[in-house]
Amino acid sequence: MQMNEPAPQNALDENRQGLIGKPLNRVDGRLKVMGKAPYAYEVQEDAQAAHAAYGYIVEATIAKGTIAAIDTAAAERSPGVLLVMTHKNAPKQAAWGPLDAKDRFARASPQLGNNRVDYYGQAVAFVVAKNFEQARSAAHLIKVSYSAEPGDYELAPNVAKGEKPNDQFGQRTDSLIGDFEPAFAAADIKLDATFTTPAHIHAQMEPHATLAYWKDGHVIIHCSAQLLVSAKNAVANTLKIAPSKVRIVSRYIGGGFGGKLPVFGDVMLSAMASRQLDRPVKTALTRQQMFHFTTHRSDTIQRLRLGASKDGKLTAIAHETWSHSARFDNFFESASVQTRTLYAAANRMTTHRLVKLDLPISDSTRAPGESVGMLALEQAMDEMAEKLQLDPIEFRIRNEPTMDPEQNIPFSSRQLVGCMREGAQRFGWGKRNARPGAHVEGQWLLGIGMAAATRGNYLLPSTCHVSIDAQGVLTVKMAMTDIGTGSYTVFTQIAAEMLGLPIEKVRMNLGDSDFPATPGSGGSFGAASAGSGLFDACTNLREILAQKLGIKMSEARFEGEHISGAGRDSSLAALAGVRGLEASGEIKPGSMTKKFSQQSYGAHFAEVAVNKDTGEIRLRRMLGVFAAGRILNQKTARSQAVGAMIWGVGAALHEQAVLDPRYGHFVNHNLADYHVPSHADIPAIEAYFLPEVDDKTNPLKIKGVGELGICGAGAAIANAVYNACGVRIRDFPLTLDKVLAGLESNSII
């Protein structure tokens, strides 16, 4: 199936059993609460796994230079130690990259390849012992001497070194429509503002971990990976073996957020050590190691320039972004992309510049691009509304485009205005006093703010296999993952509804690279892509069942474990027979992505209290309204939206990986010092979805939900803080020292 035309009416539209949209409990929930849904470090499915040795990674304590000497003698003599691996004895691997790989997450990622140190926390040794404690103890006995070199670690002082990167993930690096500079110069009302966002850490519940072992010349790797096909190819490319000799298993993942799109050194080192020792090797990163050894969100500098006429119509928009990558990499934070589609203006410019630093690899973090880009854009829109003396919602509505402003194609669907109006009504926006500092409760200044939300919608190639047996049980196989978002559940709902089966008659098998290929989980494309492949496979199975019953598909009705039509009726189990029936399906993106601009939309509303003595900010209430196509499961969708909004609170008020500019490392590399919102920080949060079915996106008529809720959430809080106390903070996070400085000087921070 290829999306070249709008999706026609189908079984999910009919929804005869009412499973689509139902707030179904997670089908894997019982396993998880009983401890029977093992993460990678807990797997015991193979007899070999019970006799695993344990690995521990030794990290570099400098950010740039070379290993001058390394003494492993004491570690090798330590009790229980089976292997100490360094650059001196590590197996040969492919070189890093290539940078221009079609799949950046399938690139070779060699470990201990030479004596170079490219970033703080890089692996310099790997110890394998009979148990974890022995491996850790021996690792501390290794003595490493370095020849350190000066490096560049900070973005701001190196902005002049920014370079134009290649296009990324199909997105243009820069865009230019009209003639921005003269249009901005001639505008009646202008804003020229610079915003900064810090590095963010994924901080997943489950640390990265690996269990690797070899069998019959094949390596089996249980790890925490969002993209199984990419992980399989990454291991094959690194170890220089055929992809057919690699199997990646990742059935349950305790949070991904983009931090598990690549696989890291724990995978490669465990696989190499396992082959050398001829026994399974299990390695888990510590929480502290994850801050440098895995990826992070790069910090950004963003310049927004908005020009408008006196009637509140934007005439010029420019959004320029600078972000960092590792010296040897080419990832950039695409923070200007949403500005290309969100508001109308005849003259437009967006750019991205990459500054290479001697830091660990930065890469995708939940809602890459829009998540931090909206922090800047939606504050700038609020500032501009104030200059024009317009209500922030009215200003946005006046600049609502009828077509995609840069591609000049229609939107597949667009309910941004509807989200803002619905949210305003539910939140009580009409009671807002536009004058900062007007609402006081004792020592607290109260304010409310809003921001728009948008996130690009994507469809990637995906395949699926389904079969039904003599008991009427449908088995689904996909190399798809569930990163805690509810994939097992929504796919079960799709399959059950398509075949007219109860939930209990569907077996959803995910998390194994030996299954039919999918793009995996990430970028809010997972449910749409893998779900559409599943839809096609079920459609093909429906046709086989109809043919076996001797009726046309147009006559077939699937309900109550039966198929009926044209006066005939049979149970699916009877038609499947002893040998069963099976079918495969696939989805491919087609011309619809070029014919229609596809985004999901929303609006955030927040009320905060700011203590005028301490500068403390407290979130009092928050509400989001979203339009994201058909909602497959109200419960899991709401959970995703609320979780993303909480992440938005963290981005606004808490999160910052603090860099030591002398040594190139993050000093707050644990969850005691890297602050994320706790229960005390989060009041009741409301999330609502507007009815929407978008037939231009995919056969399910859905859009991605997972990342939409973070986009703009932090800006709504920043705008509320300004409304409360009159302090406009453009440097995230909004910590109390910045509030106090603003209150004292009455200036923009």
Foldseek 3Di string as FASTA:
>chain_A
DAQPDFFDDDLVNVLVVVQFAAQDDFPCVVCVVVVNQDAAQPDDPDVQLVQAWEKDFQWDQFLWFFWPDKDLVQLCPFPFWDDKDFLVDFDDWDDFDDQPDPQRQLTADDARVHGTHLGTLGTGMMIIGRYDVSNVVSSVVMDIDTDGDDWFFDCVVQVVVWDAFCDDPPHHQKDWFDAFPVLLVPFPDKDKDKFKFFKFAQPFPFFWKWKWAADPQAIEIRTAAQFQVSALSNLCNTHVHDSVRYKYFGAEARFDQPQRNHHFDNRNVQHRVNVVVNGMYMYTDDLLSRQARTAIAWMKMKIWMWGHHLVLETAHIEIEMETEFAQNHGDWQQQCVVVQFQFAHRTYIYHYIYGHTSGGGHDGGQQGRLLVSLLQVFLVLLVRCVVSVHDSLVSSVNGGDQDRRRLRFGALDDCQNVQVVVVCVVVVVVPFDQAAAPDDDVQKFKFKFKGKFKAFFDAAKFKKKWWAALVRAIEIWGQEYCNPLSLSPLLLSLLCSLQQHPSVRYHYHYGMPVTTYWRGDDSLHRCQHHSQQSNFFSVVVLCVLCVLQPHHSVFWDHHPQWIDGPHTIDGQSVSLPHVIDMGMGMYHYDCLVSNHGYMKIKMKMWMWIARLVQRDIATDEMEMEIEWARRRHPNSLFVLLVVLLQVLVCSAAFAHQDADRRRNHRPQSHPVRGDGDDPRRDDDYYYYYDHHFRSSRGNSSGGGRNRRNSRNSSSRSQSRLCNRHVERESYPHSYSVSSNVCNVVVDYD
